[in-house]
Amino acid sequence: GLERTREVLDEKGMILTGSFVSPDQKELSYPLILEKNGILLAMLNYTYGTNSLVAETPNIINYIDTLLIRQDIQKVKLVAPDFIIACVHWGKEYQREENTTQVSIAEFLFSQGVDAIIGSHPHVVQPVRFKKENSFYKQPIVYSLGNFISNQRNRYRNGGIIFAMELEKTDSTRITGLDYLPVYVHKPELDEKYSFHLVPSGIPDTMMEKIGFTEDEKATYLEFCEDTRVHLSDTPRNSYYQKQD
């Protein structure tokens, strides 16, 4: 469960937040603060629920609660971060558009001082929304990244996106670029066990053959890439799609 997941991720050296084995751990490590190239980032994390499971005391999970979120943001502002990112587990499964609840939560987060929102849970890629001010981007929302490492094979569910923001810090911190990369989940069987590989969009036919794509899977891969391109047509395109124009 929660404790085992944290243990494994800690052993692998992965940075995580949003669930905690005790109140003391949460107090010491949340909100998560990261520093990169002189930019101080604050990471918040919340979920709509845990599929009817309840975290056993003393474990803690951050649920979407406006009072809790407001308190967390007040706490993180004491650190004076340059940029606040909220990761939210929300939305309706397999729905390719955001719903009114997601929009409402996003508006609340931005009103409290969050700078960007990264969403997950629906298992399909949902739109990326943002505001444009001169040459800068403001309040980007990725409503759902889709699937990353997943067993789901149906159309729209067999991949996701890696999303990137480019930040510039002068007298303030601004978003100078948005980028995304579609990744398809390739699931070959090796030694009677399935293995999961993330295949980025834009690979040549020779690479598809090298990693073992059948003709059917090649078609499925290309379909996923095109579905994603069309669905995110209002989003700044990544370098791969620019090359294809």
Protein backbone atom coordinates (compact mmCIF):
# COMPACT_ATOMS: atom_id res chain seq x y z
CA GLY A 1 0.00 0.00 0.00
CA LEU A 2 1.03 3.55 0.72
CA GLU A 3 3.96 2.64 2.98
CA ARG A 4 5.37 0.06 0.57
CA THR A 5 5.09 2.47 -2.37
CA ARG A 6 6.96 5.19 -0.50
CA GLU A 7 9.60 2.69 0.59
CA VAL A 8 10.26 1.48 -2.96
CA LEU A 9 10.32 4.98 -4.44
CA ASP A 10 12.65 6.19 -1.69
CA GLU A 11 14.97 3.25 -2.40
CA LYS A 12 15.03 4.26 -6.08
CA GLY A 13 15.90 7.83 -5.18
CA MET A 14 12.68 9.25 -6.62
CA ILE A 15 11.28 12.51 -5.28
CA LEU A 16 7.65 12.23 -4.21
CA THR A 17 5.01 14.12 -2.29
CA GLY A 18 1.29 14.05 -1.51
CA SER A 19 1.27 10.97 0.76
CA PHE A 20 3.08 10.54 4.05
CA VAL A 21 3.66 7.80 6.61
CA SER A 22 3.19 10.17 9.56
CA PRO A 23 2.24 13.76 10.48
CA ASP A 24 5.90 14.43 11.34
CA GLN A 25 7.03 13.41 7.85
CA LYS A 26 4.45 15.71 6.27
CA GLU A 27 5.41 18.62 8.49
CA LEU A 28 9.09 18.25 7.60
CA SER A 29 8.74 17.59 3.87
CA TYR A 30 5.59 19.31 2.62
CA PRO A 31 5.14 21.41 0.60
CA LEU A 32 7.99 20.01 -1.46
CA ILE A 33 10.61 22.64 -2.28
CA LEU A 34 13.04 22.16 -5.18
CA GLU A 35 15.77 24.44 -6.53
CA LYS A 36 17.01 24.36 -10.11
CA ASN A 37 19.29 26.88 -11.80
CA GLY A 38 18.53 29.50 -9.19
CA ILE A 39 14.74 29.08 -9.43
CA LEU A 40 12.91 27.96 -6.28
CA LEU A 41 9.96 25.66 -7.08
CA ALA A 42 7.18 24.63 -4.70
CA MET A 43 5.23 21.44 -5.43
CA LEU A 44 1.75 20.74 -4.07
CA ASN A 45 -0.16 17.49 -4.60
CA TYR A 46 -3.82 16.52 -4.07
CA THR A 47 -6.23 13.73 -5.02
CA TYR A 48 -10.00 13.49 -5.31
CA GLY A 49 -9.96 10.12 -3.50
CA THR A 50 -8.39 6.69 -3.08
CA ASN A 51 -10.95 4.30 -4.62
CA SER A 52 -12.83 3.73 -1.34
CA LEU A 53 -9.62 2.84 0.51
CA VAL A 54 -8.80 4.82 3.63
CA ALA A 55 -5.29 5.71 4.76
CA GLU A 56 -4.71 4.08 8.12
CA THR A 57 -3.39 6.23 10.96
CA PRO A 58 -0.72 7.61 11.09
CA ASN A 59 -0.56 7.65 7.26
CA ILE A 60 -1.74 10.82 5.54
CA ILE A 61 -3.01 11.50 2.01
CA ASN A 62 -3.66 14.99 0.69
CA TYR A 63 -7.26 15.17 -0.50
CA ILE A 64 -8.71 18.02 -2.54
CA ASP A 65 -10.02 20.29 0.19
CA THR A 66 -10.13 24.06 -0.25
CA LEU A 67 -9.34 24.74 3.41
CA LEU A 68 -6.33 22.42 3.34
CA ILE A 69 -5.13 23.86 0.03
CA ARG A 70 -5.43 27.42 1.30
CA GLN A 71 -3.42 26.54 4.42
CA ASP A 72 -0.74 24.78 2.37
CA ILE A 73 -0.33 27.74 0.04
CA GLN A 74 -0.12 30.16 2.96
CA LYS A 75 2.62 27.95 4.43
CA VAL A 76 4.57 27.69 1.19
CA LYS A 77 4.48 31.44 0.62
CA LEU A 78 6.57 31.84 3.78
CA VAL A 79 9.41 30.22 1.80
CA ALA A 80 8.89 32.80 -1.00
CA PRO A 81 9.13 30.36 -3.93
CA ASP A 82 9.55 31.70 -7.44
CA PHE A 83 6.96 29.33 -8.89
CA ILE A 84 4.21 27.13 -7.42
CA ILE A 85 3.03 23.97 -9.21
CA ALA A 86 -0.01 21.97 -8.11
CA CYS A 87 -0.32 18.34 -9.21
CA VAL A 88 -3.94 17.20 -9.01
CA HIS A 89 -5.45 13.72 -9.35
CA TRP A 90 -8.93 14.56 -10.62
CA GLY A 91 -11.42 14.32 -13.48
CA LYS A 92 -13.56 11.58 -14.99
CA GLU A 93 -11.93 8.45 -16.34
CA TYR A 94 -11.69 8.16 -20.16
CA GLN A 95 -13.27 11.58 -20.75
CA ARG A 96 -11.07 13.51 -23.18
CA GLU A 97 -12.29 16.96 -22.12
CA GLU A 98 -12.08 18.62 -18.72
CA ASN A 99 -15.26 18.82 -16.66
CA THR A 100 -16.75 21.70 -14.69
CA THR A 101 -15.38 20.40 -11.38
CA GLN A 102 -11.83 20.45 -12.73
CA VAL A 103 -12.33 23.98 -14.06
CA SER A 104 -13.68 25.14 -10.69
CA ILE A 105 -10.76 23.62 -8.76
CA ALA A 106 -8.27 25.14 -11.21
CA GLU A 107 -9.80 28.59 -10.80
CA PHE A 108 -9.55 28.25 -7.02
CA LEU A 109 -5.90 27.16 -7.17
CA PHE A 110 -4.96 30.09 -9.38
CA SER A 111 -6.86 32.51 -7.13
CA GLN A 112 -4.71 31.33 -4.21
CA GLY A 113 -1.43 31.92 -6.02
CA VAL A 114 -0.64 28.69 -7.86
CA ASP A 115 1.26 29.31 -11.11
CA ALA A 116 0.72 26.03 -13.00
CA ILE A 117 -1.40 22.88 -12.68
CA ILE A 118 -0.53 19.36 -13.82
CA GLY A 119 -3.43 16.88 -13.79
CA SER A 120 -3.80 13.13 -13.93
CA HIS A 121 -6.33 10.31 -13.38
CA PRO A 122 -8.58 10.21 -16.49
CA HIS A 123 -6.18 7.75 -18.27
CA VAL A 124 -6.46 9.78 -21.47
CA VAL A 125 -4.83 13.02 -22.57
CA GLN A 126 -7.00 16.05 -21.84
CA PRO A 127 -6.50 19.60 -23.16
CA VAL A 128 -3.74 21.99 -22.17
CA ARG A 129 -5.12 25.45 -21.41
CA PHE A 130 -3.14 28.63 -20.83
CA LYS A 131 -3.20 32.40 -21.13
CA LYS A 132 -0.83 34.35 -23.36
CA GLU A 133 0.54 37.74 -22.36
CA ASN A 134 2.88 39.23 -24.96
CA SER A 135 5.51 36.52 -25.49
CA PHE A 136 4.91 34.86 -22.13
CA TYR A 137 2.51 32.15 -20.95
CA LYS A 138 0.45 32.33 -17.78
CA GLN A 139 -1.50 29.83 -15.69
CA PRO A 140 -0.99 26.72 -17.83
CA ILE A 141 -3.17 23.73 -16.98
CA VAL A 142 -2.54 20.21 -18.21
CA TYR A 143 -5.89 18.71 -17.32
CA SER A 144 -4.60 15.16 -17.80
CA LEU A 145 -1.23 13.77 -18.88
CA GLY A 146 -2.89 10.50 -19.91
CA ASN A 147 -1.27 7.13 -19.24
CA PHE A 148 2.45 6.74 -18.67
CA ILE A 149 3.24 3.16 -17.65
CA SER A 150 -0.08 1.39 -18.08
CA ASN A 151 -1.69 -1.89 -19.08
CA GLN A 152 -4.59 -0.19 -20.88
CA ARG A 153 -4.54 -0.79 -24.64
CA ASN A 154 -7.71 0.89 -25.95
CA ARG A 155 -7.55 3.88 -28.25
CA TYR A 156 -6.68 7.14 -26.45
CA ARG A 157 -5.62 5.14 -23.35
CA ASN A 158 -2.41 3.64 -24.71
CA GLY A 159 -0.13 6.59 -24.03
CA GLY A 160 0.27 10.06 -22.61
CA ILE A 161 2.39 13.17 -22.81
CA ILE A 162 5.51 14.49 -21.14
CA PHE A 163 4.94 18.19 -20.53
CA ALA A 164 7.62 20.84 -20.08
CA MET A 165 7.68 24.51 -19.14
CA GLU A 166 10.62 26.83 -19.68
CA LEU A 167 11.00 29.40 -16.90
CA GLU A 168 12.93 32.66 -16.94
CA LYS A 169 13.80 34.53 -13.76
CA THR A 170 14.60 38.23 -13.84
CA ASP A 171 12.72 40.62 -11.56
CA SER A 172 9.97 37.99 -11.62
CA THR A 173 9.61 34.41 -12.84
CA ARG A 174 7.86 33.99 -16.18
CA ILE A 175 7.01 31.09 -18.48
CA THR A 176 8.80 31.59 -21.79
CA GLY A 177 7.91 28.27 -23.40
CA LEU A 178 5.54 25.31 -23.26
CA ASP A 179 6.37 21.96 -24.81
CA TYR A 180 4.92 18.47 -24.89
CA LEU A 181 6.03 15.09 -26.18
CA PRO A 182 3.56 12.25 -26.84
CA VAL A 183 4.74 8.88 -25.53
CA TYR A 184 3.16 5.58 -26.56
CA VAL A 185 3.20 2.59 -24.19
CA HIS A 186 4.81 -0.40 -25.93
CA LYS A 187 4.24 -3.65 -24.02
CA PRO A 188 6.31 -6.53 -25.45
CA GLU A 189 6.45 -9.96 -23.84
CA LEU A 190 9.99 -10.96 -22.85
CA ASP A 191 10.79 -14.32 -21.22
CA GLU A 192 7.08 -14.90 -20.53
CA LYS A 193 6.83 -11.54 -18.76
CA TYR A 194 5.50 -8.24 -20.03
CA SER A 195 7.84 -5.27 -20.19
CA PHE A 196 6.77 -1.65 -20.53
CA HIS A 197 8.58 0.80 -22.82
CA LEU A 198 7.71 4.43 -23.50
CA VAL A 199 8.13 5.23 -27.19
CA PRO A 200 8.24 8.94 -28.10
CA SER A 201 6.49 10.29 -31.16
CA GLY A 202 8.43 10.76 -34.35
CA ILE A 203 10.67 7.71 -34.41
CA PRO A 204 11.60 6.39 -37.89
CA ASP A 205 10.41 3.09 -39.37
CA THR A 206 13.81 1.53 -38.74
CA MET A 207 13.47 2.18 -35.01
CA MET A 208 9.93 0.77 -34.96
CA GLU A 209 11.28 -2.43 -36.48
CA LYS A 210 14.20 -2.52 -34.05
CA ILE A 211 11.98 -2.36 -30.97
CA GLY A 212 9.67 -5.03 -32.36
CA PHE A 213 6.59 -3.22 -33.63
CA THR A 214 4.29 -5.41 -35.69
CA GLU A 215 2.49 -3.74 -38.59
CA ASP A 216 -0.65 -3.54 -36.44
CA GLU A 217 1.19 -1.92 -33.55
CA LYS A 218 2.94 0.50 -35.88
CA ALA A 219 -0.49 1.63 -37.08
CA THR A 220 -1.72 1.91 -33.48
CA TYR A 221 1.35 3.94 -32.50
CA LEU A 222 0.89 6.36 -35.41
CA GLU A 223 -2.82 6.64 -34.60
CA PHE A 224 -2.04 7.58 -31.00
CA CYS A 225 0.48 10.21 -32.08
CA GLU A 226 -1.96 11.76 -34.55
CA ASP A 227 -4.87 11.65 -32.07
CA THR A 228 -2.70 13.50 -29.56
CA ARG A 229 -1.52 16.07 -32.10
CA VAL A 230 -5.08 16.89 -33.13
CA HIS A 231 -6.36 16.96 -29.55
CA LEU A 232 -3.63 19.38 -28.47
CA SER A 233 -3.72 21.47 -31.64
CA ASP A 234 -4.12 24.68 -29.61
CA THR A 235 -0.97 23.93 -27.61
CA PRO A 236 2.46 25.17 -28.71
CA ARG A 237 3.77 22.30 -30.79
CA ASN A 238 6.85 20.36 -29.91
CA SER A 239 9.90 20.23 -32.17
CA TYR A 240 8.86 16.92 -33.75
CA TYR A 241 5.57 18.29 -35.05
CA GLN A 242 7.21 21.48 -36.25
CA LYS A 243 9.51 19.37 -38.40
CA GLN A 244 6.54 17.58 -39.96
CA ASP A 245 4.76 20.74 -41.15
